[in-house]
Amino acid sequence: MEEFTEEKKAACVITLKPKGPISILGDFIIIDEEGNELPKREKISICRCGMSDKMPVCDGTHKGLCF
């Protein structure tokens, strides 16, 4: 794996949060299951528990689950 340097910045950073969502920060495009592009933003948390009412976006539901 290549070492991260200031000269080699990633377009986005993806972080898997323990017992929580996938956090994406940076320049990215998300396409939903129907092929629609989600509104542009610099940061988003993607649900991993499958229980969010705002799928695919995390709404914090995982906090009350044994996830």
C-alpha atoms as a PDB file:
ATOM      1  CA  MET A   1       0.000   0.000   0.000  1.00  0.00           C
ATOM      2  CA  GLU A   2       1.302   3.448  -0.919  1.00  0.00           C
ATOM      3  CA  GLU A   3       2.121   5.918   1.822  1.00  0.00           C
ATOM      4  CA  PHE A   4      -0.189   8.947   2.091  1.00  0.00           C
ATOM      5  CA  THR A   5       1.605  12.245   1.460  1.00  0.00           C
ATOM      6  CA  GLU A   6       0.498  15.836   0.949  1.00  0.00           C
ATOM      7  CA  GLU A   7       1.285  15.416  -2.763  1.00  0.00           C
ATOM      8  CA  LYS A   8      -1.064  12.401  -2.977  1.00  0.00           C
ATOM      9  CA  LYS A   9      -4.319  13.512  -1.440  1.00  0.00           C
ATOM     10  CA  ALA A  10      -7.326  11.237  -1.717  1.00  0.00           C
ATOM     11  CA  ALA A  11     -10.464  12.556  -3.395  1.00  0.00           C
ATOM     12  CA  CYS A  12     -12.362  11.262  -0.382  1.00  0.00           C
ATOM     13  CA  VAL A  13     -11.739   9.516   2.918  1.00  0.00           C
ATOM     14  CA  ILE A  14     -13.973   6.586   3.908  1.00  0.00           C
ATOM     15  CA  THR A  15     -14.086   5.582   7.571  1.00  0.00           C
ATOM     16  CA  LEU A  16     -15.880   2.545   9.006  1.00  0.00           C
ATOM     17  CA  LYS A  17     -17.058   3.627  12.444  1.00  0.00           C
ATOM     18  CA  PRO A  18     -17.203   0.890  15.116  1.00  0.00           C
ATOM     19  CA  LYS A  19     -20.835  -0.147  15.670  1.00  0.00           C
ATOM     20  CA  GLY A  20     -21.890   2.737  13.455  1.00  0.00           C
ATOM     21  CA  PRO A  21     -22.098   4.068   9.907  1.00  0.00           C
ATOM     22  CA  ILE A  22     -19.630   4.419   7.086  1.00  0.00           C
ATOM     23  CA  SER A  23     -18.456   8.040   7.051  1.00  0.00           C
ATOM     24  CA  ILE A  24     -17.427   9.569   3.712  1.00  0.00           C
ATOM     25  CA  LEU A  25     -15.649  12.931   3.611  1.00  0.00           C
ATOM     26  CA  GLY A  26     -14.415  14.746   0.514  1.00  0.00           C
ATOM     27  CA  ASP A  27     -15.330  14.879  -3.164  1.00  0.00           C
ATOM     28  CA  PHE A  28     -17.631  11.982  -4.073  1.00  0.00           C
ATOM     29  CA  ILE A  29     -20.856  11.004  -5.858  1.00  0.00           C
ATOM     30  CA  ILE A  30     -23.389   8.550  -4.422  1.00  0.00           C
ATOM     31  CA  ILE A  31     -25.904   6.780  -6.658  1.00  0.00           C
ATOM     32  CA  ASP A  32     -28.891   5.120  -4.950  1.00  0.00           C
ATOM     33  CA  GLU A  33     -30.324   1.690  -5.785  1.00  0.00           C
ATOM     34  CA  GLU A  34     -32.647   3.254  -8.381  1.00  0.00           C
ATOM     35  CA  GLY A  35     -29.783   4.958 -10.217  1.00  0.00           C
ATOM     36  CA  ASN A  36     -30.492   8.437  -8.850  1.00  0.00           C
ATOM     37  CA  GLU A  37     -27.630  10.662  -7.770  1.00  0.00           C
ATOM     38  CA  LEU A  38     -27.953  11.873  -4.180  1.00  0.00           C
ATOM     39  CA  PRO A  39     -27.571  15.646  -3.642  1.00  0.00           C
ATOM     40  CA  LYS A  40     -23.936  16.807  -3.652  1.00  0.00           C
ATOM     41  CA  ARG A  41     -22.325  17.249  -0.251  1.00  0.00           C
ATOM     42  CA  GLU A  42     -18.867  17.048   1.325  1.00  0.00           C
ATOM     43  CA  LYS A  43     -19.744  14.638   4.148  1.00  0.00           C
ATOM     44  CA  ILE A  44     -22.238  11.800   4.557  1.00  0.00           C
ATOM     45  CA  SER A  45     -22.786   8.865   6.903  1.00  0.00           C
ATOM     46  CA  ILE A  46     -24.051   5.707   5.205  1.00  0.00           C
ATOM     47  CA  CYS A  47     -26.184   3.291   7.244  1.00  0.00           C
ATOM     48  CA  ARG A  48     -24.702  -0.144   7.970  1.00  0.00           C
ATOM     49  CA  CYS A  49     -27.381  -1.479  10.354  1.00  0.00           C
ATOM     50  CA  GLY A  50     -30.126  -1.434   7.710  1.00  0.00           C
ATOM     51  CA  MET A  51     -32.682   0.200  10.009  1.00  0.00           C
ATOM     52  CA  SER A  52     -32.411   3.892   9.027  1.00  0.00           C
ATOM     53  CA  ASP A  53     -35.624   5.644   7.968  1.00  0.00           C
ATOM     54  CA  LYS A  54     -33.477   7.785   5.631  1.00  0.00           C
ATOM     55  CA  MET A  55     -31.705   4.957   3.752  1.00  0.00           C
ATOM     56  CA  PRO A  56     -29.016   4.947   2.576  1.00  0.00           C
ATOM     57  CA  VAL A  57     -28.178   7.825   4.946  1.00  0.00           C
ATOM     58  CA  CYS A  58     -27.631   7.025   8.628  1.00  0.00           C
ATOM     59  CA  ASP A  59     -30.221   8.555  10.987  1.00  0.00           C
ATOM     60  CA  GLY A  60     -28.671   7.259  14.233  1.00  0.00           C
ATOM     61  CA  THR A  61     -31.064   4.314  14.665  1.00  0.00           C
ATOM     62  CA  HIS A  62     -28.073   2.002  15.283  1.00  0.00           C
ATOM     63  CA  LYS A  63     -27.544   3.656  18.681  1.00  0.00           C
ATOM     64  CA  GLY A  64     -30.612   1.858  20.071  1.00  0.00           C
ATOM     65  CA  LEU A  65     -29.754  -1.524  18.543  1.00  0.00           C
ATOM     66  CA  CYS A  66     -27.382  -4.354  19.400  1.00  0.00           C
ATOM     67  CA  PHE A  67     -25.416  -3.610  16.242  1.00  0.00           C
END
